């Protein structure tokens, strides 16, 4: 399956509704050197950047949640006072 930024963004919003619920901005770009998607979350002056391995991104599009990413999103929400 071909992963595009738009497909991945749509799926992440679907799988992790807390992104929208806490009004987080999200940006995605592919880093070919790391063979990973860079996930950038932001709200106000707080931001967080992590990566999602290419294989994990493909799994995500197939409906398999990435527990590691979910934990990181939850921690960011907690750090900004959203939880």
PDB file of N, CA and C in Angstrom:
ATOM      1  N   UNK A   1       0.850  -1.179   0.000  1.00  0.00           N
ATOM      2  CA  UNK A   1       0.000   0.000   0.000  1.00  0.00           C
ATOM      3  C   UNK A   1       0.890   1.235   0.000  1.00  0.00           C
ATOM      4  N   UNK A   2       0.519   2.172  -0.824  1.00  0.00           N
ATOM      5  CA  UNK A   2       1.277   3.417  -0.911  1.00  0.00           C
ATOM      6  C   UNK A   2       0.812   4.390   0.175  1.00  0.00           C
ATOM      7  N   UNK A   3       1.741   4.814   0.993  1.00  0.00           N
ATOM      8  CA  UNK A   3       1.428   5.752   2.072  1.00  0.00           C
ATOM      9  C   UNK A   3       1.683   7.165   1.569  1.00  0.00           C
ATOM     10  N   UNK A   4       0.665   8.010   1.686  1.00  0.00           N
ATOM     11  CA  UNK A   4       0.830   9.429   1.386  1.00  0.00           C
ATOM     12  C   UNK A   4       0.566  10.210   2.666  1.00  0.00           C
ATOM     13  N   UNK A   5       1.046  11.436   2.702  1.00  0.00           N
ATOM     14  CA  UNK A   5       0.840  12.268   3.886  1.00  0.00           C
ATOM     15  C   UNK A   5      -0.648  12.437   4.170  1.00  0.00           C
ATOM     16  N   UNK A   6      -1.452  12.646   3.127  1.00  0.00           N
ATOM     17  CA  UNK A   6      -2.884  12.869   3.327  1.00  0.00           C
ATOM     18  C   UNK A   6      -3.578  11.622   3.873  1.00  0.00           C
ATOM     19  N   UNK A   7      -3.263  10.459   3.303  1.00  0.00           N
ATOM     20  CA  UNK A   7      -3.865   9.209   3.795  1.00  0.00           C
ATOM     21  C   UNK A   7      -3.477   8.958   5.252  1.00  0.00           C
ATOM     22  N   UNK A   8      -2.207   9.173   5.552  1.00  0.00           N
ATOM     23  CA  UNK A   8      -1.731   8.928   6.911  1.00  0.00           C
ATOM     24  C   UNK A   8      -2.353   9.918   7.886  1.00  0.00           C
ATOM     25  N   UNK A   9      -2.425  11.173   7.499  1.00  0.00           N
ATOM     26  CA  UNK A   9      -3.039  12.182   8.364  1.00  0.00           C
ATOM     27  C   UNK A   9      -4.492  11.827   8.655  1.00  0.00           C
ATOM     28  N   UNK A  10      -5.250  11.490   7.614  1.00  0.00           N
ATOM     29  CA  UNK A  10      -6.656  11.125   7.806  1.00  0.00           C
ATOM     30  C   UNK A  10      -6.793   9.947   8.764  1.00  0.00           C
ATOM     31  N   UNK A  11      -5.935   8.950   8.607  1.00  0.00           N
ATOM     32  CA  UNK A  11      -6.010   7.756   9.450  1.00  0.00           C
ATOM     33  C   UNK A  11      -5.610   8.063  10.891  1.00  0.00           C
ATOM     34  N   UNK A  12      -4.594   8.896  11.079  1.00  0.00           N
ATOM     35  CA  UNK A  12      -4.187   9.254  12.442  1.00  0.00           C
ATOM     36  C   UNK A  12      -5.291  10.029  13.151  1.00  0.00           C
ATOM     37  N   UNK A  13      -5.970  10.935  12.435  1.00  0.00           N
ATOM     38  CA  UNK A  13      -7.105  11.649  13.035  1.00  0.00           C
ATOM     39  C   UNK A  13      -8.209  10.671  13.426  1.00  0.00           C
ATOM     40  N   UNK A  14      -8.430   9.662  12.595  1.00  0.00           N
ATOM     41  CA  UNK A  14      -9.464   8.661  12.871  1.00  0.00           C
ATOM     42  C   UNK A  14      -9.083   7.788  14.068  1.00  0.00           C
ATOM     43  N   UNK A  15      -7.842   7.332  14.107  1.00  0.00           N
ATOM     44  CA  UNK A  15      -7.407   6.406  15.155  1.00  0.00           C
ATOM     45  C   UNK A  15      -7.132   7.091  16.487  1.00  0.00           C
ATOM     46  N   UNK A  16      -6.748   8.341  16.433  1.00  0.00           N
ATOM     47  CA  UNK A  16      -6.397   9.084  17.646  1.00  0.00           C
ATOM     48  C   UNK A  16      -7.233  10.364  17.711  1.00  0.00           C
ATOM     49  N   UNK A  17      -8.523  10.251  18.072  1.00  0.00           N
ATOM     50  CA  UNK A  17      -9.412  11.421  18.089  1.00  0.00           C
ATOM     51  C   UNK A  17      -8.968  12.509  19.065  1.00  0.00           C
ATOM     52  N   UNK A  18      -8.095  12.164  20.003  1.00  0.00           N
ATOM     53  CA  UNK A  18      -7.613  13.174  20.947  1.00  0.00           C
ATOM     54  C   UNK A  18      -6.819  14.276  20.242  1.00  0.00           C
ATOM     55  N   UNK A  19      -6.312  13.997  19.049  1.00  0.00           N
ATOM     56  CA  UNK A  19      -5.591  15.033  18.301  1.00  0.00           C
ATOM     57  C   UNK A  19      -6.533  16.197  18.019  1.00  0.00           C
ATOM     58  N   UNK A  20      -7.708  15.890  17.502  1.00  0.00           N
ATOM     59  CA  UNK A  20      -8.698  16.952  17.227  1.00  0.00           C
ATOM     60  C   UNK A  20      -9.351  17.443  18.511  1.00  0.00           C
ATOM     61  N   UNK A  21      -9.643  16.527  19.427  1.00  0.00           N
ATOM     62  CA  UNK A  21     -10.333  16.898  20.664  1.00  0.00           C
ATOM     63  C   UNK A  21      -9.557  17.951  21.448  1.00  0.00           C
ATOM     64  N   UNK A  22      -8.232  17.897  21.369  1.00  0.00           N
ATOM     65  CA  UNK A  22      -7.398  18.856  22.099  1.00  0.00           C
ATOM     66  C   UNK A  22      -6.826  19.936  21.183  1.00  0.00           C
ATOM     67  N   UNK A  23      -7.413  20.016  19.976  1.00  0.00           N
ATOM     68  CA  UNK A  23      -7.072  21.072  19.012  1.00  0.00           C
ATOM     69  C   UNK A  23      -5.575  21.138  18.715  1.00  0.00           C
ATOM     70  N   UNK A  24      -4.995  19.968  18.461  1.00  0.00           N
ATOM     71  CA  UNK A  24      -3.579  19.907  18.117  1.00  0.00           C
ATOM     72  C   UNK A  24      -3.419  20.056  16.613  1.00  0.00           C
ATOM     73  N   UNK A  25      -2.476  20.873  16.198  1.00  0.00           N
ATOM     74  CA  UNK A  25      -2.110  20.924  14.795  1.00  0.00           C
ATOM     75  C   UNK A  25      -1.188  19.752  14.509  1.00  0.00           C
ATOM     76  N   UNK A  26      -1.292  19.198  13.304  1.00  0.00           N
ATOM     77  CA  UNK A  26      -0.447  18.055  12.974  1.00  0.00           C
ATOM     78  C   UNK A  26       0.183  18.260  11.611  1.00  0.00           C
ATOM     79  N   UNK A  27       1.473  17.969  11.525  1.00  0.00           N
ATOM     80  CA  UNK A  27       2.185  18.001  10.257  1.00  0.00           C
ATOM     81  C   UNK A  27       2.918  16.687  10.062  1.00  0.00           C
ATOM     82  N   UNK A  28       2.992  16.245   8.816  1.00  0.00           N
ATOM     83  CA  UNK A  28       3.662  14.986   8.490  1.00  0.00           C
ATOM     84  C   UNK A  28       4.592  15.197   7.316  1.00  0.00           C
ATOM     85  N   UNK A  29       5.770  14.622   7.381  1.00  0.00           N
ATOM     86  CA  UNK A  29       6.636  14.575   6.203  1.00  0.00           C
ATOM     87  C   UNK A  29       7.491  13.316   6.279  1.00  0.00           C
ATOM     88  N   UNK A  30       7.860  12.814   5.110  1.00  0.00           N
ATOM     89  CA  UNK A  30       8.623  11.573   5.051  1.00  0.00           C
ATOM     90  C   UNK A  30      10.107  11.879   4.995  1.00  0.00           C
ATOM     91  N   UNK A  31      10.867  11.238   5.864  1.00  0.00           N
ATOM     92  CA  UNK A  31      12.322  11.366   5.888  1.00  0.00           C
ATOM     93  C   UNK A  31      12.897  10.092   5.273  1.00  0.00           C
ATOM     94  N   UNK A  32      13.335  10.193   4.024  1.00  0.00           N
ATOM     95  CA  UNK A  32      13.827   9.000   3.326  1.00  0.00           C
ATOM     96  C   UNK A  32      15.112   8.462   3.959  1.00  0.00           C
ATOM     97  N   UNK A  33      15.911   9.320   4.569  1.00  0.00           N
ATOM     98  CA  UNK A  33      17.129   8.870   5.238  1.00  0.00           C
ATOM     99  C   UNK A  33      16.841   7.969   6.426  1.00  0.00           C
ATOM    100  N   UNK A  34      15.751   8.242   7.120  1.00  0.00           N
ATOM    101  CA  UNK A  34      15.353   7.434   8.277  1.00  0.00           C
ATOM    102  C   UNK A  34      14.312   6.380   7.910  1.00  0.00           C
ATOM    103  N   UNK A  35      13.793   6.460   6.679  1.00  0.00           N
ATOM    104  CA  UNK A  35      12.707   5.588   6.229  1.00  0.00           C
ATOM    105  C   UNK A  35      11.563   5.637   7.238  1.00  0.00           C
ATOM    106  N   UNK A  36      11.198   6.871   7.591  1.00  0.00           N
ATOM    107  CA  UNK A  36      10.165   7.068   8.604  1.00  0.00           C
ATOM    108  C   UNK A  36       9.399   8.360   8.330  1.00  0.00           C
ATOM    109  N   UNK A  37       8.167   8.383   8.803  1.00  0.00           N
ATOM    110  CA  UNK A  37       7.351   9.590   8.746  1.00  0.00           C
ATOM    111  C   UNK A  37       7.625  10.401  10.002  1.00  0.00           C
ATOM    112  N   UNK A  38       7.875  11.678   9.834  1.00  0.00           N
ATOM    113  CA  UNK A  38       8.068  12.581  10.962  1.00  0.00           C
ATOM    114  C   UNK A  38       6.698  13.166  11.298  1.00  0.00           C
ATOM    115  N   UNK A  39       6.287  13.004  12.541  1.00  0.00           N
ATOM    116  CA  UNK A  39       4.983  13.475  13.007  1.00  0.00           C
ATOM    117  C   UNK A  39       5.235  14.658  13.929  1.00  0.00           C
ATOM    118  N   UNK A  40       4.650  15.795  13.582  1.00  0.00           N
ATOM    119  CA  UNK A  40       4.833  17.012  14.373  1.00  0.00           C
ATOM    120  C   UNK A  40       3.468  17.458  14.889  1.00  0.00           C
ATOM    121  N   UNK A  41       3.337  17.558  16.207  1.00  0.00           N
ATOM    122  CA  UNK A  41       2.110  18.038  16.834  1.00  0.00           C
ATOM    123  C   UNK A  41       2.391  19.367  17.504  1.00  0.00           C
ATOM    124  N   UNK A  42       1.398  20.256  17.462  1.00  0.00           N
ATOM    125  CA  UNK A  42       1.599  21.590  18.028  1.00  0.00           C
ATOM    126  C   UNK A  42       0.280  22.137  18.552  1.00  0.00           C
ATOM    127  N   UNK A  43       0.374  22.847  19.673  1.00  0.00           N
ATOM    128  CA  UNK A  43      -0.741  23.652  20.167  1.00  0.00           C
ATOM    129  C   UNK A  43      -0.142  24.850  20.884  1.00  0.00           C
ATOM    130  N   UNK A  44      -0.571  26.006  20.455  1.00  0.00           N
ATOM    131  CA  UNK A  44      -0.039  27.260  20.979  1.00  0.00           C
ATOM    132  C   UNK A  44       1.486  27.256  20.856  1.00  0.00           C
ATOM    133  N   UNK A  45       2.199  27.483  21.948  1.00  0.00           N
ATOM    134  CA  UNK A  45       3.663  27.534  21.880  1.00  0.00           C
ATOM    135  C   UNK A  45       4.319  26.196  22.241  1.00  0.00           C
ATOM    136  N   UNK A  46       3.524  25.161  22.390  1.00  0.00           N
ATOM    137  CA  UNK A  46       4.043  23.833  22.732  1.00  0.00           C
ATOM    138  C   UNK A  46       4.068  22.970  21.473  1.00  0.00           C
ATOM    139  N   UNK A  47       5.159  22.250  21.278  1.00  0.00           N
ATOM    140  CA  UNK A  47       5.206  21.346  20.130  1.00  0.00           C
ATOM    141  C   UNK A  47       5.934  20.058  20.487  1.00  0.00           C
ATOM    142  N   UNK A  48       5.701  19.065  19.660  1.00  0.00           N
ATOM    143  CA  UNK A  48       6.223  17.727  19.892  1.00  0.00           C
ATOM    144  C   UNK A  48       6.494  17.083  18.540  1.00  0.00           C
ATOM    145  N   UNK A  49       7.653  16.474  18.397  1.00  0.00           N
ATOM    146  CA  UNK A  49       8.010  15.798  17.151  1.00  0.00           C
ATOM    147  C   UNK A  49       8.457  14.377  17.469  1.00  0.00           C
ATOM    148  N   UNK A  50       7.961  13.439  16.695  1.00  0.00           N
ATOM    149  CA  UNK A  50       8.358  12.039  16.822  1.00  0.00           C
ATOM    150  C   UNK A  50       8.379  11.432  15.432  1.00  0.00           C
ATOM    151  N   UNK A  51       8.636  10.159  15.351  1.00  0.00           N
ATOM    152  CA  UNK A  51       8.640   9.513  14.039  1.00  0.00           C
ATOM    153  C   UNK A  51       7.821   8.231  14.074  1.00  0.00           C
ATOM    154  N   UNK A  52       7.387   7.845  12.895  1.00  0.00           N
ATOM    155  CA  UNK A  52       6.619   6.627  12.701  1.00  0.00           C
ATOM    156  C   UNK A  52       7.311   5.858  11.585  1.00  0.00           C
ATOM    157  N   UNK A  53       7.866   4.706  11.917  1.00  0.00           N
ATOM    158  CA  UNK A  53       8.572   3.908  10.914  1.00  0.00           C
ATOM    159  C   UNK A  53       7.656   3.647   9.721  1.00  0.00           C
ATOM    160  N   UNK A  54       8.242   3.538   8.531  1.00  0.00           N
ATOM    161  CA  UNK A  54       7.460   3.330   7.311  1.00  0.00           C
ATOM    162  C   UNK A  54       6.539   2.115   7.442  1.00  0.00           C
ATOM    163  N   UNK A  55       7.034   1.029   8.010  1.00  0.00           N
ATOM    164  CA  UNK A  55       6.214  -0.182   8.189  1.00  0.00           C
ATOM    165  C   UNK A  55       5.052   0.087   9.130  1.00  0.00           C
ATOM    166  N   UNK A  56       5.290   0.835  10.202  1.00  0.00           N
ATOM    167  CA  UNK A  56       4.219   1.174  11.137  1.00  0.00           C
ATOM    168  C   UNK A  56       3.170   2.056  10.465  1.00  0.00           C
ATOM    169  N   UNK A  57       3.605   2.950   9.582  1.00  0.00           N
ATOM    170  CA  UNK A  57       2.662   3.801   8.852  1.00  0.00           C
ATOM    171  C   UNK A  57       1.771   2.950   7.952  1.00  0.00           C
ATOM    172  N   UNK A  58       2.358   1.959   7.296  1.00  0.00           N
ATOM    173  CA  UNK A  58       1.563   1.045   6.461  1.00  0.00           C
ATOM    174  C   UNK A  58       0.569   0.268   7.322  1.00  0.00           C
ATOM    175  N   UNK A  59       1.028  -0.225   8.465  1.00  0.00           N
ATOM    176  CA  UNK A  59       0.129  -0.936   9.379  1.00  0.00           C
ATOM    177  C   UNK A  59      -1.007  -0.028   9.829  1.00  0.00           C
ATOM    178  N   UNK A  60      -0.686   1.214  10.113  1.00  0.00           N
ATOM    179  CA  UNK A  60      -1.684   2.188  10.533  1.00  0.00           C
ATOM    180  C   UNK A  60      -2.787   2.318   9.476  1.00  0.00           C
ATOM    181  N   UNK A  61      -2.394   2.430   8.213  1.00  0.00           N
ATOM    182  CA  UNK A  61      -3.382   2.546   7.142  1.00  0.00           C
ATOM    183  C   UNK A  61      -4.230   1.284   7.021  1.00  0.00           C
ATOM    184  N   UNK A  62      -3.703   0.167   7.513  1.00  0.00           N
ATOM    185  CA  UNK A  62      -4.454  -1.088   7.509  1.00  0.00           C
ATOM    186  C   UNK A  62      -5.253  -1.284   8.795  1.00  0.00           C
ATOM    187  N   UNK A  63      -5.328  -0.232   9.623  1.00  0.00           N
ATOM    188  CA  UNK A  63      -6.153  -0.280  10.821  1.00  0.00           C
ATOM    189  C   UNK A  63      -5.474  -0.808  12.064  1.00  0.00           C
ATOM    190  N   UNK A  64      -4.161  -0.977  12.020  1.00  0.00           N
ATOM    191  CA  UNK A  64      -3.422  -1.472  13.183  1.00  0.00           C
ATOM    192  C   UNK A  64      -2.842  -0.273  13.927  1.00  0.00           C
ATOM    193  N   UNK A  65      -3.300  -0.087  15.164  1.00  0.00           N
ATOM    194  CA  UNK A  65      -2.829   1.058  15.943  1.00  0.00           C
ATOM    195  C   UNK A  65      -1.370   0.891  16.338  1.00  0.00           C
ATOM    196  N   UNK A  66      -0.670   2.001  16.333  1.00  0.00           N
ATOM    197  CA  UNK A  66       0.706   2.033  16.803  1.00  0.00           C
ATOM    198  C   UNK A  66       0.667   2.463  18.271  1.00  0.00           C
ATOM    199  N   UNK A  67       0.843   1.520  19.158  1.00  0.00           N
ATOM    200  CA  UNK A  67       0.747   1.791  20.593  1.00  0.00           C
ATOM    201  C   UNK A  67       1.762   2.853  21.013  1.00  0.00           C
ATOM    202  N   UNK A  68       2.975   2.752  20.498  1.00  0.00           N
ATOM    203  CA  UNK A  68       4.033   3.711  20.834  1.00  0.00           C
ATOM    204  C   UNK A  68       3.597   5.140  20.507  1.00  0.00           C
ATOM    205  N   UNK A  69       3.033   5.348  19.313  1.00  0.00           N
ATOM    206  CA  UNK A  69       2.587   6.684  18.921  1.00  0.00           C
ATOM    207  C   UNK A  69       1.432   7.139  19.799  1.00  0.00           C
ATOM    208  N   UNK A  70       0.505   6.245  20.095  1.00  0.00           N
ATOM    209  CA  UNK A  70      -0.627   6.591  20.953  1.00  0.00           C
ATOM    210  C   UNK A  70      -0.184   7.040  22.335  1.00  0.00           C
ATOM    211  N   UNK A  71       0.801   6.352  22.891  1.00  0.00           N
ATOM    212  CA  UNK A  71       1.334   6.727  24.207  1.00  0.00           C
ATOM    213  C   UNK A  71       1.979   8.106  24.130  1.00  0.00           C
ATOM    214  N   UNK A  72       2.726   8.355  23.067  1.00  0.00           N
ATOM    215  CA  UNK A  72       3.387   9.655  22.922  1.00  0.00           C
ATOM    216  C   UNK A  72       2.371  10.786  22.765  1.00  0.00           C
ATOM    217  N   UNK A  73       1.321  10.550  21.998  1.00  0.00           N
ATOM    218  CA  UNK A  73       0.272  11.561  21.841  1.00  0.00           C
ATOM    219  C   UNK A  73      -0.376  11.829  23.193  1.00  0.00           C
ATOM    220  N   UNK A  74      -0.679  10.767  23.935  1.00  0.00           N
ATOM    221  CA  UNK A  74      -1.273  10.919  25.260  1.00  0.00           C
ATOM    222  C   UNK A  74      -0.381  11.703  26.207  1.00  0.00           C
ATOM    223  N   UNK A  75       0.913  11.461  26.155  1.00  0.00           N
ATOM    224  CA  UNK A  75       1.851  12.185  27.015  1.00  0.00           C
ATOM    225  C   UNK A  75       1.914  13.658  26.638  1.00  0.00           C
ATOM    226  N   UNK A  76       1.896  13.960  25.336  1.00  0.00           N
ATOM    227  CA  UNK A  76       1.914  15.352  24.900  1.00  0.00           C
ATOM    228  C   UNK A  76       0.656  16.072  25.378  1.00  0.00           C
ATOM    229  N   UNK A  77      -0.496  15.424  25.240  1.00  0.00           N
ATOM    230  CA  UNK A  77      -1.754  16.019  25.705  1.00  0.00           C
ATOM    231  C   UNK A  77      -1.667  16.301  27.203  1.00  0.00           C
ATOM    232  N   UNK A  78      -1.139  15.353  27.957  1.00  0.00           N
ATOM    233  CA  UNK A  78      -0.983  15.540  29.405  1.00  0.00           C
ATOM    234  C   UNK A  78      -0.045  16.710  29.700  1.00  0.00           C
ATOM    235  N   UNK A  79       1.050  16.802  28.964  1.00  0.00           N
ATOM    236  CA  UNK A  79       2.033  17.861  29.194  1.00  0.00           C
ATOM    237  C   UNK A  79       1.495  19.254  28.901  1.00  0.00           C
ATOM    238  N   UNK A  80       0.546  19.352  27.981  1.00  0.00           N
ATOM    239  CA  UNK A  80      -0.011  20.676  27.669  1.00  0.00           C
ATOM    240  C   UNK A  80      -1.222  20.991  28.536  1.00  0.00           C
ATOM    241  N   UNK A  81      -1.514  20.096  29.476  1.00  0.00           N
ATOM    242  CA  UNK A  81      -2.608  20.337  30.401  1.00  0.00           C
ATOM    243  C   UNK A  81      -3.962  19.936  29.860  1.00  0.00           C
ATOM    244  N   UNK A  82      -3.966  19.054  28.865  1.00  0.00           N
ATOM    245  CA  UNK A  82      -5.225  18.658  28.257  1.00  0.00           C
ATOM    246  C   UNK A  82      -5.851  17.421  28.864  1.00  0.00           C
ATOM    247  N   UNK A  83      -5.154  16.763  29.766  1.00  0.00           N
ATOM    248  CA  UNK A  83      -5.725  15.532  30.336  1.00  0.00           C
ATOM    249  C   UNK A  83      -5.693  15.592  31.845  1.00  0.00           C
TER     250      UNK A  83
END
